[in-house]
Protein backbone atom coordinates (compact mmCIF):
# COMPACT_ATOMS: atom_id res chain seq x y z
CA MET A 1 0.00 0.00 0.00
CA LYS A 2 1.69 3.17 -1.24
CA LYS A 3 1.08 6.23 0.91
CA LEU A 4 -0.56 9.10 -0.93
CA LYS A 5 1.20 12.46 -1.11
CA ASN A 6 -1.35 14.37 0.99
CA GLU A 7 -3.12 11.45 2.64
CA LYS A 8 -3.78 13.23 5.95
CA GLU A 9 -5.74 16.03 4.23
CA LEU A 10 -7.57 13.52 2.05
CA VAL A 11 -8.64 11.53 5.13
CA LYS A 12 -10.07 14.73 6.65
CA LYS A 13 -11.90 15.43 3.38
CA ALA A 14 -13.16 11.83 3.26
CA ILE A 15 -14.58 12.10 6.78
CA ALA A 16 -16.37 15.35 5.91
CA GLU A 17 -17.71 13.94 2.62
CA GLY A 18 -18.63 10.63 4.25
CA VAL A 19 -20.53 12.31 7.08
CA ARG A 20 -22.42 14.40 4.53
CA TYR A 21 -23.11 11.29 2.41
CA GLY A 22 -24.41 9.23 5.35
CA GLU A 23 -26.58 12.00 6.77
CA LYS A 24 -27.98 12.90 3.33
CA ARG A 25 -28.90 9.25 2.87
CA GLY A 26 -30.59 9.33 6.27
CA VAL A 27 -28.82 6.29 7.69
CA VAL A 28 -26.68 7.99 10.34
CA LYS A 29 -26.51 11.04 12.56
CA PHE A 30 -22.97 11.58 13.83
CA GLU A 31 -22.49 13.13 17.26
CA ALA A 32 -19.75 15.58 18.20
CA THR A 33 -18.43 12.96 20.64
CA ASP A 34 -17.87 10.34 17.92
CA SER A 35 -14.16 9.72 17.40
CA ALA A 36 -12.51 9.99 14.01
CA ASN A 37 -11.79 6.25 14.09
CA GLU A 38 -15.48 5.44 14.63
CA LYS A 39 -16.46 7.72 11.77
CA ILE A 40 -13.82 6.20 9.48
CA GLU A 41 -15.01 2.66 10.16
CA TYR A 42 -18.70 3.55 9.73
CA ILE A 43 -18.11 5.52 6.53
CA TYR A 44 -15.92 2.74 5.10
CA ARG A 45 -18.52 0.07 5.83
CA LEU A 46 -21.35 2.27 4.48
CA LEU A 47 -19.51 2.94 1.21
CA VAL A 48 -18.70 -0.76 0.81
CA HIS A 49 -22.34 -1.65 1.53
CA ASP A 50 -23.53 0.84 -1.10
CA LYS A 51 -20.93 -0.53 -3.53
CA VAL A 52 -19.28 2.90 -3.87
CA ILE A 53 -15.83 1.49 -3.06
CA GLN A 54 -14.30 -1.95 -3.43
CA PRO A 55 -14.08 -3.83 -0.10
CA LEU A 56 -10.77 -4.92 1.35
CA PRO A 57 -10.31 -8.60 2.16
CA GLU A 58 -11.67 -9.03 5.70
CA ASP A 59 -8.28 -10.14 7.07
CA GLN A 60 -6.70 -6.89 5.80
CA VAL A 61 -9.23 -4.47 7.30
CA SER A 62 -7.51 -2.12 9.77
CA GLN A 63 -7.73 1.57 10.64
CA LYS A 64 -4.71 2.28 8.44
CA SER A 65 -6.10 0.44 5.42
CA MET A 66 -9.58 1.97 5.83
CA LYS A 67 -8.04 5.46 6.03
CA HIS A 68 -6.04 4.75 2.88
CA LYS A 69 -9.12 3.48 1.04
CA LEU A 70 -11.15 6.54 2.08
CA ALA A 71 -8.30 8.87 1.08
CA ILE A 72 -8.33 7.35 -2.40
CA TRP A 73 -12.11 7.78 -2.55
CA ALA A 74 -11.82 11.41 -1.41
CA SER A 75 -9.16 12.15 -4.03
CA LYS A 76 -11.69 11.16 -6.72
CA GLN A 77 -14.43 13.43 -5.33
CA LYS A 78 -14.93 16.81 -6.98
């Protein structure tokens, strides 16, 4: 897994876009107390469920790999 050039910023963008996506769909209401890791996991699983992104093999799912996957997704958003 090759680290993206500005992966940290892309992860922040992915969280913001993912929160907006989930709330617009009406499936989730994030609280201010939700941690970034909880949001990342929920957004990742929601996007996989909706077939927006390709799932990782279950034995390779980790916070690092989910962040990377979401960063790639965010880099493709307008």
